[in-house]
PDB file of all heavy atoms in Angstrom:
ATOM      1  N   ARG A   1    -100.417  55.809  76.443  1.00  0.00           N
ATOM      2  CA  ARG A   1     -99.056  56.012  76.188  1.00  0.00           C
ATOM      3  C   ARG A   1     -98.096  56.101  77.396  1.00  0.00           C
ATOM      4  O   ARG A   1     -96.945  55.697  77.266  1.00  0.00           O
ATOM      5  CB  ARG A   1     -98.867  57.501  75.231  1.00  0.00           C
ATOM      6  CG  ARG A   1     -99.709  57.405  74.075  1.00  0.00           C
ATOM      7  CD  ARG A   1     -99.550  58.687  73.328  1.00  0.00           C
ATOM      8  NE  ARG A   1    -100.385  58.752  72.146  1.00  0.00           N
ATOM      9  CZ  ARG A   1    -100.432  59.773  71.250  1.00  0.00           C
ATOM     10  NH1 ARG A   1     -99.749  60.885  71.528  1.00  0.00           N
ATOM     11  NH2 ARG A   1    -101.285  59.743  70.129  1.00  0.00           N
ATOM     12  N   THR A   2     -98.636  56.630  78.466  1.00  0.00           N
ATOM     13  CA  THR A   2     -97.817  56.907  79.630  1.00  0.00           C
ATOM     14  C   THR A   2     -98.400  56.279  80.865  1.00  0.00           C
ATOM     15  O   THR A   2     -97.744  56.030  81.772  1.00  0.00           O
ATOM     16  CB  THR A   2     -97.628  58.472  79.843  1.00  0.00           C
ATOM     17  OG1 THR A   2     -98.858  59.095  80.004  1.00  0.00           O
ATOM     18  CG2 THR A   2     -96.802  59.132  78.644  1.00  0.00           C
ATOM     19  N   SER A   3     -99.756  56.067  80.861  1.00  0.00           N
ATOM     20  CA  SER A   3    -100.417  55.634  82.011  1.00  0.00           C
ATOM     21  C   SER A   3    -100.292  54.104  82.168  1.00  0.00           C
ATOM     22  O   SER A   3     -99.982  53.442  81.070  1.00  0.00           O
ATOM     23  CB  SER A   3    -102.042  55.991  82.014  1.00  0.00           C
ATOM     24  OG  SER A   3    -102.130  57.348  81.788  1.00  0.00           O
ATOM     25  N   PRO A   4    -100.277  53.545  83.280  1.00  0.00           N
ATOM     26  CA  PRO A   4    -100.241  52.086  83.468  1.00  0.00           C
ATOM     27  C   PRO A   4    -101.442  51.339  82.647  1.00  0.00           C
ATOM     28  O   PRO A   4    -102.514  51.812  82.935  1.00  0.00           O
ATOM     29  CB  PRO A   4    -100.398  51.742  84.988  1.00  0.00           C
ATOM     30  CG  PRO A   4     -99.968  53.108  85.677  1.00  0.00           C
ATOM     31  CD  PRO A   4    -100.442  54.217  84.673  1.00  0.00           C
ATOM     32  N   PRO A   5    -101.238  50.499  81.792  1.00  0.00           N
ATOM     33  CA  PRO A   5    -102.177  49.928  80.956  1.00  0.00           C
ATOM     34  C   PRO A   5    -103.084  49.130  81.784  1.00  0.00           C
ATOM     35  O   PRO A   5    -102.715  48.486  82.733  1.00  0.00           O
ATOM     36  CB  PRO A   5    -101.484  49.097  79.997  1.00  0.00           C
ATOM     37  CG  PRO A   5    -100.095  48.779  80.591  1.00  0.00           C
ATOM     38  CD  PRO A   5     -99.757  50.054  81.394  1.00  0.00           C
ATOM     39  N   ARG A   6    -104.421  49.104  81.399  1.00  0.00           N
ATOM     40  CA  ARG A   6    -105.405  48.266  82.082  1.00  0.00           C
ATOM     41  C   ARG A   6    -105.546  46.999  81.281  1.00  0.00           C
ATOM     42  O   ARG A   6    -105.377  46.965  80.108  1.00  0.00           O
ATOM     43  CB  ARG A   6    -106.787  48.945  82.212  1.00  0.00           C
ATOM     44  CG  ARG A   6    -106.692  50.272  82.988  1.00  0.00           C
ATOM     45  CD  ARG A   6    -108.072  50.805  83.080  1.00  0.00           C
ATOM     46  NE  ARG A   6    -108.123  52.113  83.731  1.00  0.00           N
ATOM     47  CZ  ARG A   6    -109.221  52.938  84.051  1.00  0.00           C
ATOM     48  NH1 ARG A   6    -110.434  52.374  83.574  1.00  0.00           N
ATOM     49  NH2 ARG A   6    -109.187  54.071  84.548  1.00  0.00           N
ATOM     50  N   THR A   7    -105.909  45.931  81.868  1.00  0.00           N
ATOM     51  CA  THR A   7    -106.221  44.725  81.239  1.00  0.00           C
ATOM     52  C   THR A   7    -107.596  44.173  81.688  1.00  0.00           C
ATOM     53  O   THR A   7    -108.072  44.482  82.812  1.00  0.00           O
ATOM     54  CB  THR A   7    -105.219  43.530  81.447  1.00  0.00           C
ATOM     55  OG1 THR A   7    -105.144  43.351  82.926  1.00  0.00           O
ATOM     56  CG2 THR A   7    -103.847  43.952  81.048  1.00  0.00           C
ATOM     57  N   MET A   8    -108.264  43.485  80.800  1.00  0.00           N
ATOM     58  CA  MET A   8    -109.662  43.019  81.173  1.00  0.00           C
ATOM     59  C   MET A   8    -109.670  41.493  80.706  1.00  0.00           C
ATOM     60  O   MET A   8    -109.487  41.231  79.493  1.00  0.00           O
ATOM     61  CB  MET A   8    -110.650  43.746  80.459  1.00  0.00           C
ATOM     62  CG  MET A   8    -110.780  45.291  80.979  1.00  0.00           C
ATOM     63  SD  MET A   8    -112.120  46.180  80.216  1.00  0.00           S
ATOM     64  CE  MET A   8    -113.450  45.234  80.471  1.00  0.00           C
ATOM     65  N   GLY A   9    -110.188  40.617  81.602  1.00  0.00           N
ATOM     66  CA  GLY A   9    -110.524  39.250  81.265  1.00  0.00           C
ATOM     67  C   GLY A   9    -109.355  38.347  81.180  1.00  0.00           C
ATOM     68  O   GLY A   9    -109.506  37.144  80.860  1.00  0.00           O
ATOM     69  N   LEU A  10    -108.084  38.884  81.312  1.00  0.00           N
ATOM     70  CA  LEU A  10    -106.887  37.968  81.226  1.00  0.00           C
ATOM     71  C   LEU A  10    -106.646  37.124  82.391  1.00  0.00           C
ATOM     72  O   LEU A  10    -106.813  37.663  83.551  1.00  0.00           O
ATOM     73  CB  LEU A  10    -105.608  38.819  80.967  1.00  0.00           C
ATOM     74  CG  LEU A  10    -105.567  39.508  79.593  1.00  0.00           C
ATOM     75  CD1 LEU A  10    -104.306  40.304  79.427  1.00  0.00           C
ATOM     76  CD2 LEU A  10    -105.627  38.437  78.424  1.00  0.00           C
ATOM     77  N   ILE A  11    -106.262  35.961  82.342  1.00  0.00           N
ATOM     78  CA  ILE A  11    -106.028  35.049  83.479  1.00  0.00           C
ATOM     79  C   ILE A  11    -104.603  34.740  83.490  1.00  0.00           C
ATOM     80  O   ILE A  11    -103.934  34.614  82.363  1.00  0.00           O
ATOM     81  CB  ILE A  11    -106.872  33.698  83.418  1.00  0.00           C
ATOM     82  CG1 ILE A  11    -108.232  33.895  83.182  1.00  0.00           C
ATOM     83  CG2 ILE A  11    -106.464  32.705  84.438  1.00  0.00           C
ATOM     84  CD1 ILE A  11    -109.119  32.775  82.933  1.00  0.00           C
ATOM     85  N   ASP A  12    -103.930  34.797  84.694  1.00  0.00           N
ATOM     86  CA  ASP A  12    -102.546  34.624  84.767  1.00  0.00           C
ATOM     87  C   ASP A  12    -102.177  33.268  84.108  1.00  0.00           C
ATOM     88  O   ASP A  12    -102.764  32.239  84.362  1.00  0.00           O
ATOM     89  CB  ASP A  12    -102.082  34.530  86.311  1.00  0.00           C
ATOM     90  CG  ASP A  12    -102.107  35.878  86.915  1.00  0.00           C
ATOM     91  OD1 ASP A  12    -102.173  36.891  86.145  1.00  0.00           O
ATOM     92  OD2 ASP A  12    -102.097  35.857  88.203  1.00  0.00           O
ATOM     93  N   GLY A  13    -101.043  33.344  83.295  1.00  0.00           N
ATOM     94  CA  GLY A  13    -100.677  32.158  82.633  1.00  0.00           C
ATOM     95  C   GLY A  13    -101.407  31.699  81.377  1.00  0.00           C
ATOM     96  O   GLY A  13    -100.972  30.774  80.636  1.00  0.00           O
ATOM     97  N   GLN A  14    -102.394  32.592  80.969  1.00  0.00           N
ATOM     98  CA  GLN A  14    -103.226  32.265  79.655  1.00  0.00           C
ATOM     99  C   GLN A  14    -102.521  32.854  78.490  1.00  0.00           C
ATOM    100  O   GLN A  14    -102.001  34.016  78.447  1.00  0.00           O
ATOM    101  CB  GLN A  14    -104.485  32.838  79.902  1.00  0.00           C
ATOM    102  CG  GLN A  14    -105.565  32.572  78.838  1.00  0.00           C
ATOM    103  CD  GLN A  14    -106.957  33.045  79.139  1.00  0.00           C
ATOM    104  OE1 GLN A  14    -107.106  34.039  79.678  1.00  0.00           O
ATOM    105  NE2 GLN A  14    -107.992  32.310  78.603  1.00  0.00           N
ATOM    106  N   ASP A  15    -102.505  32.010  77.429  1.00  0.00           N
ATOM    107  CA  ASP A  15    -102.014  32.489  76.139  1.00  0.00           C
ATOM    108  C   ASP A  15    -102.898  33.540  75.618  1.00  0.00           C
ATOM    109  O   ASP A  15    -104.178  33.606  75.831  1.00  0.00           O
ATOM    110  CB  ASP A  15    -101.962  31.342  75.107  1.00  0.00           C
ATOM    111  CG  ASP A  15    -101.319  31.713  73.868  1.00  0.00           C
ATOM    112  OD1 ASP A  15    -100.701  32.756  73.678  1.00  0.00           O
ATOM    113  OD2 ASP A  15    -101.752  31.087  72.809  1.00  0.00           O
ATOM    114  N   SER A  16    -102.479  34.593  74.925  1.00  0.00           N
ATOM    115  CA  SER A  16    -103.318  35.624  74.376  1.00  0.00           C
ATOM    116  C   SER A  16    -102.918  36.036  72.987  1.00  0.00           C
ATOM    117  O   SER A  16    -101.765  35.934  72.609  1.00  0.00           O
ATOM    118  CB  SER A  16    -103.187  36.849  75.389  1.00  0.00           C
ATOM    119  OG  SER A  16    -101.903  37.311  75.408  1.00  0.00           O
ATOM    120  N   LEU A  17    -103.876  36.447  72.272  1.00  0.00           N
ATOM    121  CA  LEU A  17    -103.684  37.189  70.955  1.00  0.00           C
ATOM    122  C   LEU A  17    -104.194  38.651  71.120  1.00  0.00           C
ATOM    123  O   LEU A  17    -105.433  38.834  71.520  1.00  0.00           O
ATOM    124  CB  LEU A  17    -104.621  36.492  69.877  1.00  0.00           C
ATOM    125  CG  LEU A  17    -104.785  37.214  68.692  1.00  0.00           C
ATOM    126  CD1 LEU A  17    -103.437  37.411  67.827  1.00  0.00           C
ATOM    127  CD2 LEU A  17    -105.674  36.455  67.723  1.00  0.00           C
ATOM    128  N   THR A  18    -103.373  39.622  70.889  1.00  0.00           N
ATOM    129  CA  THR A  18    -103.700  40.982  71.147  1.00  0.00           C
ATOM    130  C   THR A  18    -104.055  41.689  69.907  1.00  0.00           C
ATOM    131  O   THR A  18    -103.148  41.691  69.051  1.00  0.00           O
ATOM    132  CB  THR A  18    -102.568  41.712  72.046  1.00  0.00           C
ATOM    133  OG1 THR A  18    -102.403  40.968  73.181  1.00  0.00           O
ATOM    134  CG2 THR A  18    -103.026  43.119  72.318  1.00  0.00           C
ATOM    135  N   VAL A  19    -105.094  42.350  69.889  1.00  0.00           N
ATOM    136  CA  VAL A  19    -105.584  43.079  68.668  1.00  0.00           C
ATOM    137  C   VAL A  19    -105.826  44.611  69.080  1.00  0.00           C
ATOM    138  O   VAL A  19    -105.665  44.935  70.312  1.00  0.00           O
ATOM    139  CB  VAL A  19    -106.711  42.595  68.009  1.00  0.00           C
ATOM    140  CG1 VAL A  19    -106.441  41.142  67.538  1.00  0.00           C
ATOM    141  CG2 VAL A  19    -107.994  42.522  68.950  1.00  0.00           C
ATOM    142  N   HIS A  20    -105.967  45.361  68.067  1.00  0.00           N
ATOM    143  CA  HIS A  20    -105.986  46.872  68.335  1.00  0.00           C
ATOM    144  C   HIS A  20    -107.320  47.432  68.695  1.00  0.00           C
ATOM    145  O   HIS A  20    -107.382  48.625  69.266  1.00  0.00           O
ATOM    146  CB  HIS A  20    -105.388  47.615  67.129  1.00  0.00           C
ATOM    147  CG  HIS A  20    -106.232  47.505  65.918  1.00  0.00           C
ATOM    148  ND1 HIS A  20    -106.193  46.332  65.160  1.00  0.00           N
ATOM    149  CD2 HIS A  20    -107.067  48.325  65.217  1.00  0.00           C
ATOM    150  CE1 HIS A  20    -106.947  46.408  64.086  1.00  0.00           C
ATOM    151  NE2 HIS A  20    -107.556  47.543  64.151  1.00  0.00           N
ATOM    152  N   ASP A  21    -108.441  46.837  68.328  1.00  0.00           N
ATOM    153  CA  ASP A  21    -109.743  47.434  68.779  1.00  0.00           C
ATOM    154  C   ASP A  21    -110.807  46.390  68.824  1.00  0.00           C
ATOM    155  O   ASP A  21    -110.705  45.147  68.541  1.00  0.00           O
ATOM    156  CB  ASP A  21    -110.078  48.550  67.777  1.00  0.00           C
ATOM    157  CG  ASP A  21    -110.318  48.162  66.286  1.00  0.00           C
ATOM    158  OD1 ASP A  21    -110.343  46.937  66.050  1.00  0.00           O
ATOM    159  OD2 ASP A  21    -110.403  48.967  65.415  1.00  0.00           O
ATOM    160  N   MET A  22    -112.046  46.809  69.212  1.00  0.00           N
ATOM    161  CA  MET A  22    -113.221  45.856  69.371  1.00  0.00           C
ATOM    162  C   MET A  22    -113.585  45.282  68.078  1.00  0.00           C
ATOM    163  O   MET A  22    -113.832  43.943  68.140  1.00  0.00           O
ATOM    164  CB  MET A  22    -114.285  46.612  70.194  1.00  0.00           C
ATOM    165  CG  MET A  22    -115.366  45.566  70.437  1.00  0.00           C
ATOM    166  SD  MET A  22    -114.923  44.402  71.766  1.00  0.00           S
ATOM    167  CE  MET A  22    -114.732  45.530  73.159  1.00  0.00           C
ATOM    168  N   PRO A  23    -113.747  45.881  67.011  1.00  0.00           N
ATOM    169  CA  PRO A  23    -114.032  45.217  65.876  1.00  0.00           C
ATOM    170  C   PRO A  23    -113.068  44.143  65.455  1.00  0.00           C
ATOM    171  O   PRO A  23    -113.467  42.980  64.956  1.00  0.00           O
ATOM    172  CB  PRO A  23    -114.107  46.240  64.752  1.00  0.00           C
ATOM    173  CG  PRO A  23    -114.511  47.509  65.537  1.00  0.00           C
ATOM    174  CD  PRO A  23    -113.664  47.362  66.841  1.00  0.00           C
ATOM    175  N   ALA A  24    -111.746  44.328  65.707  1.00  0.00           N
ATOM    176  CA  ALA A  24    -110.762  43.228  65.376  1.00  0.00           C
ATOM    177  C   ALA A  24    -110.875  42.138  66.344  1.00  0.00           C
ATOM    178  O   ALA A  24    -110.652  40.954  65.874  1.00  0.00           O
ATOM    179  CB  ALA A  24    -109.359  43.856  65.406  1.00  0.00           C
ATOM    180  N   LYS A  25    -111.301  42.438  67.588  1.00  0.00           N
ATOM    181  CA  LYS A  25    -111.424  41.276  68.525  1.00  0.00           C
ATOM    182  C   LYS A  25    -112.519  40.471  68.162  1.00  0.00           C
ATOM    183  O   LYS A  25    -112.589  39.219  68.232  1.00  0.00           O
ATOM    184  CB  LYS A  25    -111.676  41.919  69.969  1.00  0.00           C
ATOM    185  CG  LYS A  25    -112.039  40.970  71.016  1.00  0.00           C
ATOM    186  CD  LYS A  25    -112.164  41.727  72.416  1.00  0.00           C
ATOM    187  CE  LYS A  25    -112.742  40.848  73.344  1.00  0.00           C
ATOM    188  NZ  LYS A  25    -111.996  39.621  73.730  1.00  0.00           N
ATOM    189  N   LEU A  26    -113.637  41.130  67.864  1.00  0.00           N
ATOM    190  CA  LEU A  26    -114.913  40.338  67.335  1.00  0.00           C
ATOM    191  C   LEU A  26    -114.524  39.513  66.217  1.00  0.00           C
ATOM    192  O   LEU A  26    -114.900  38.298  66.097  1.00  0.00           O
ATOM    193  CB  LEU A  26    -116.036  41.398  66.982  1.00  0.00           C
ATOM    194  CG  LEU A  26    -117.301  40.656  66.417  1.00  0.00           C
ATOM    195  CD1 LEU A  26    -117.928  39.594  67.396  1.00  0.00           C
ATOM    196  CD2 LEU A  26    -118.240  41.717  65.995  1.00  0.00           C
ATOM    197  N   ALA A  27    -113.916  40.069  65.240  1.00  0.00           N
ATOM    198  CA  ALA A  27    -113.498  39.306  63.996  1.00  0.00           C
ATOM    199  C   ALA A  27    -112.516  38.084  64.319  1.00  0.00           C
ATOM    200  O   ALA A  27    -112.782  37.057  63.710  1.00  0.00           O
ATOM    201  CB  ALA A  27    -112.681  40.113  62.971  1.00  0.00           C
ATOM    202  N   ALA A  28    -111.668  38.303  65.252  1.00  0.00           N
ATOM    203  CA  ALA A  28    -110.706  37.162  65.533  1.00  0.00           C
ATOM    204  C   ALA A  28    -111.512  36.079  66.322  1.00  0.00           C
ATOM    205  O   ALA A  28    -111.223  34.908  66.126  1.00  0.00           O
ATOM    206  CB  ALA A  28    -109.628  37.752  66.556  1.00  0.00           C
ATOM    207  N   GLN A  29    -112.424  36.404  67.190  1.00  0.00           N
ATOM    208  CA  GLN A  29    -113.209  35.297  67.795  1.00  0.00           C
ATOM    209  C   GLN A  29    -114.174  34.645  66.761  1.00  0.00           C
ATOM    210  O   GLN A  29    -114.313  33.436  66.884  1.00  0.00           O
ATOM    211  CB  GLN A  29    -113.959  35.952  68.955  1.00  0.00           C
ATOM    212  CG  GLN A  29    -112.992  36.355  70.107  1.00  0.00           C
ATOM    213  CD  GLN A  29    -113.738  36.852  71.455  1.00  0.00           C
ATOM    214  OE1 GLN A  29    -113.350  37.763  72.003  1.00  0.00           O
ATOM    215  NE2 GLN A  29    -114.765  36.145  71.759  1.00  0.00           N
ATOM    216  N   LEU A  30    -114.746  35.327  65.887  1.00  0.00           N
ATOM    217  CA  LEU A  30    -115.584  34.737  64.968  1.00  0.00           C
ATOM    218  C   LEU A  30    -114.753  33.834  64.067  1.00  0.00           C
ATOM    219  O   LEU A  30    -115.198  32.702  63.623  1.00  0.00           O
ATOM    220  CB  LEU A  30    -116.116  35.810  63.960  1.00  0.00           C
ATOM    221  CG  LEU A  30    -117.372  36.695  64.443  1.00  0.00           C
ATOM    222  CD1 LEU A  30    -117.662  37.904  63.585  1.00  0.00           C
ATOM    223  CD2 LEU A  30    -118.567  35.824  64.700  1.00  0.00           C
ATOM    224  N   ALA A  31    -113.465  34.158  63.865  1.00  0.00           N
ATOM    225  CA  ALA A  31    -112.526  33.235  62.999  1.00  0.00           C
ATOM    226  C   ALA A  31    -112.024  32.023  63.895  1.00  0.00           C
ATOM    227  O   ALA A  31    -111.381  31.215  63.401  1.00  0.00           O
ATOM    228  CB  ALA A  31    -111.361  34.031  62.449  1.00  0.00           C
ATOM    229  N   GLY A  32    -112.389  31.984  65.088  1.00  0.00           N
ATOM    230  CA  GLY A  32    -112.062  30.788  65.964  1.00  0.00           C
ATOM    231  C   GLY A  32    -110.595  30.955  66.486  1.00  0.00           C
ATOM    232  O   GLY A  32    -109.946  29.861  66.918  1.00  0.00           O
ATOM    233  N   LEU A  33    -110.027  32.104  66.581  1.00  0.00           N
ATOM    234  CA  LEU A  33    -108.666  32.307  66.792  1.00  0.00           C
ATOM    235  C   LEU A  33    -108.415  32.407  68.390  1.00  0.00           C
ATOM    236  O   LEU A  33    -107.356  32.361  68.927  1.00  0.00           O
ATOM    237  CB  LEU A  33    -108.003  33.585  66.189  1.00  0.00           C
ATOM    238  CG  LEU A  33    -107.939  33.530  64.729  1.00  0.00           C
ATOM    239  CD1 LEU A  33    -107.483  34.819  64.217  1.00  0.00           C
ATOM    240  CD2 LEU A  33    -107.050  32.481  64.244  1.00  0.00           C
ATOM    241  N   GLY A  34    -109.547  32.405  69.111  1.00  0.00           N
ATOM    242  CA  GLY A  34    -109.479  32.587  70.582  1.00  0.00           C
ATOM    243  C   GLY A  34    -110.827  32.847  71.171  1.00  0.00           C
ATOM    244  O   GLY A  34    -111.838  32.952  70.509  1.00  0.00           O
ATOM    245  N   CYS A  35    -110.771  32.750  72.440  1.00  0.00           N
ATOM    246  CA  CYS A  35    -112.071  33.008  73.082  1.00  0.00           C
ATOM    247  C   CYS A  35    -112.049  34.361  73.841  1.00  0.00           C
ATOM    248  O   CYS A  35    -111.051  35.147  73.714  1.00  0.00           O
ATOM    249  CB  CYS A  35    -112.359  31.952  74.277  1.00  0.00           C
ATOM    250  SG  CYS A  35    -110.998  31.900  75.506  1.00  0.00           S
ATOM    251  N   GLY A  36    -113.103  34.825  74.473  1.00  0.00           N
ATOM    252  CA  GLY A  36    -113.055  36.101  75.170  1.00  0.00           C
ATOM    253  C   GLY A  36    -114.432  36.755  75.468  1.00  0.00           C
ATOM    254  O   GLY A  36    -115.447  36.263  74.999  1.00  0.00           O
ATOM    255  N   TRP A  37    -114.349  37.740  76.182  1.00  0.00           N
ATOM    256  CA  TRP A  37    -115.606  38.547  76.614  1.00  0.00           C
ATOM    257  C   TRP A  37    -115.860  39.654  75.519  1.00  0.00           C
ATOM    258  O   TRP A  37    -114.895  40.205  75.083  1.00  0.00           O
ATOM    259  CB  TRP A  37    -115.288  39.143  77.925  1.00  0.00           C
ATOM    260  CG  TRP A  37    -115.174  38.220  79.111  1.00  0.00           C
ATOM    261  CD1 TRP A  37    -113.969  37.570  79.481  1.00  0.00           C
ATOM    262  CD2 TRP A  37    -116.154  37.619  79.866  1.00  0.00           C
ATOM    263  NE1 TRP A  37    -114.221  36.770  80.527  1.00  0.00           N
ATOM    264  CE2 TRP A  37    -115.459  36.780  80.693  1.00  0.00           C
ATOM    265  CE3 TRP A  37    -117.472  37.788  79.922  1.00  0.00           C
ATOM    266  CZ2 TRP A  37    -116.117  35.992  81.702  1.00  0.00           C
ATOM    267  CZ3 TRP A  37    -118.265  37.106  80.922  1.00  0.00           C
ATOM    268  CH2 TRP A  37    -117.549  36.179  81.792  1.00  0.00           C
ATOM    269  N   LEU A  38    -117.035  39.741  75.237  1.00  0.00           N
ATOM    270  CA  LEU A  38    -117.591  40.771  74.204  1.00  0.00           C
ATOM    271  C   LEU A  38    -118.752  41.472  74.753  1.00  0.00           C
ATOM    272  O   LEU A  38    -119.465  40.905  75.581  1.00  0.00           O
ATOM    273  CB  LEU A  38    -117.917  40.039  72.900  1.00  0.00           C
ATOM    274  CG  LEU A  38    -116.797  39.459  72.124  1.00  0.00           C
ATOM    275  CD1 LEU A  38    -117.407  38.579  70.961  1.00  0.00           C
ATOM    276  CD2 LEU A  38    -115.915  40.537  71.419  1.00  0.00           C
ATOM    277  N   PRO A  39    -118.879  42.707  74.358  1.00  0.00           N
ATOM    278  CA  PRO A  39    -120.197  43.308  74.670  1.00  0.00           C
ATOM    279  C   PRO A  39    -121.369  42.544  74.197  1.00  0.00           C
ATOM    280  O   PRO A  39    -121.358  42.014  73.076  1.00  0.00           O
ATOM    281  CB  PRO A  39    -120.129  44.680  73.924  1.00  0.00           C
ATOM    282  CG  PRO A  39    -118.658  44.988  73.786  1.00  0.00           C
ATOM    283  CD  PRO A  39    -118.087  43.606  73.561  1.00  0.00           C
ATOM    284  N   ARG A  40    -122.381  42.395  75.020  1.00  0.00           N
ATOM    285  CA  ARG A  40    -123.504  41.640  74.531  1.00  0.00           C
ATOM    286  C   ARG A  40    -124.239  42.183  73.369  1.00  0.00           C
ATOM    287  O   ARG A  40    -124.729  41.406  72.487  1.00  0.00           O
ATOM    288  CB  ARG A  40    -124.586  41.534  75.695  1.00  0.00           C
ATOM    289  CG  ARG A  40    -125.684  40.582  75.467  1.00  0.00           C
ATOM    290  CD  ARG A  40    -126.603  40.296  76.609  1.00  0.00           C
ATOM    291  NE  ARG A  40    -127.288  41.680  77.014  1.00  0.00           N
ATOM    292  CZ  ARG A  40    -128.106  41.809  78.193  1.00  0.00           C
ATOM    293  NH1 ARG A  40    -128.189  40.774  79.027  1.00  0.00           N
ATOM    294  NH2 ARG A  40    -128.530  42.998  78.410  1.00  0.00           N
ATOM    295  N   PHE A  41    -124.198  43.495  73.133  1.00  0.00           N
ATOM    296  CA  PHE A  41    -124.829  44.112  71.952  1.00  0.00           C
ATOM    297  C   PHE A  41    -124.135  43.625  70.741  1.00  0.00           C
ATOM    298  O   PHE A  41    -124.693  43.709  69.494  1.00  0.00           O
ATOM    299  CB  PHE A  41    -125.026  45.603  72.122  1.00  0.00           C
ATOM    300  CG  PHE A  41    -123.786  46.435  72.049  1.00  0.00           C
ATOM    301  CD1 PHE A  41    -123.042  46.681  70.947  1.00  0.00           C
ATOM    302  CD2 PHE A  41    -123.286  46.953  73.276  1.00  0.00           C
ATOM    303  CE1 PHE A  41    -121.875  47.386  70.892  1.00  0.00           C
ATOM    304  CE2 PHE A  41    -122.076  47.658  73.203  1.00  0.00           C
ATOM    305  CZ  PHE A  41    -121.459  47.988  72.203  1.00  0.00           C
ATOM    306  N   LEU A  42    -122.762  43.309  70.923  1.00  0.00           N
ATOM    307  CA  LEU A  42    -122.078  42.825  69.663  1.00  0.00           C
ATOM    308  C   LEU A  42    -122.170  41.264  69.484  1.00  0.00           C
ATOM    309  O   LEU A  42    -122.314  40.775  68.326  1.00  0.00           O
ATOM    310  CB  LEU A  42    -120.550  43.178  69.736  1.00  0.00           C
ATOM    311  CG  LEU A  42    -120.204  44.651  69.552  1.00  0.00           C
ATOM    312  CD1 LEU A  42    -118.684  44.738  69.778  1.00  0.00           C
ATOM    313  CD2 LEU A  42    -120.590  45.095  68.119  1.00  0.00           C
ATOM    314  N   ALA A  43    -122.217  40.587  70.649  1.00  0.00           N
ATOM    315  CA  ALA A  43    -122.099  39.121  70.546  1.00  0.00           C
ATOM    316  C   ALA A  43    -123.465  38.539  70.249  1.00  0.00           C
ATOM    317  O   ALA A  43    -123.567  37.508  69.543  1.00  0.00           O
ATOM    318  CB  ALA A  43    -121.590  38.520  71.865  1.00  0.00           C
ATOM    319  N   ALA A  44    -124.651  39.102  70.789  1.00  0.00           N
ATOM    320  CA  ALA A  44    -125.916  38.525  70.634  1.00  0.00           C
ATOM    321  C   ALA A  44    -126.327  38.405  69.261  1.00  0.00           C
ATOM    322  O   ALA A  44    -126.840  37.353  68.758  1.00  0.00           O
ATOM    323  CB  ALA A  44    -126.941  39.358  71.408  1.00  0.00           C
TER     324      ALA A  44
END
C-alpha cells in the first residue's frame, strides 16, 4: 500500500497483463493469454 512495489520477470518495453494472485496468473497462462515465470511445483 505504501512501500515501493516490487516487480518480477518484467522486461522493459514488454506488454503485460496484471492479475491479483498466483492462481489467477496460472489460469491466465493456461488460457494462452501470456507467458511468464511460475513456481515449478505449480507448472510441472
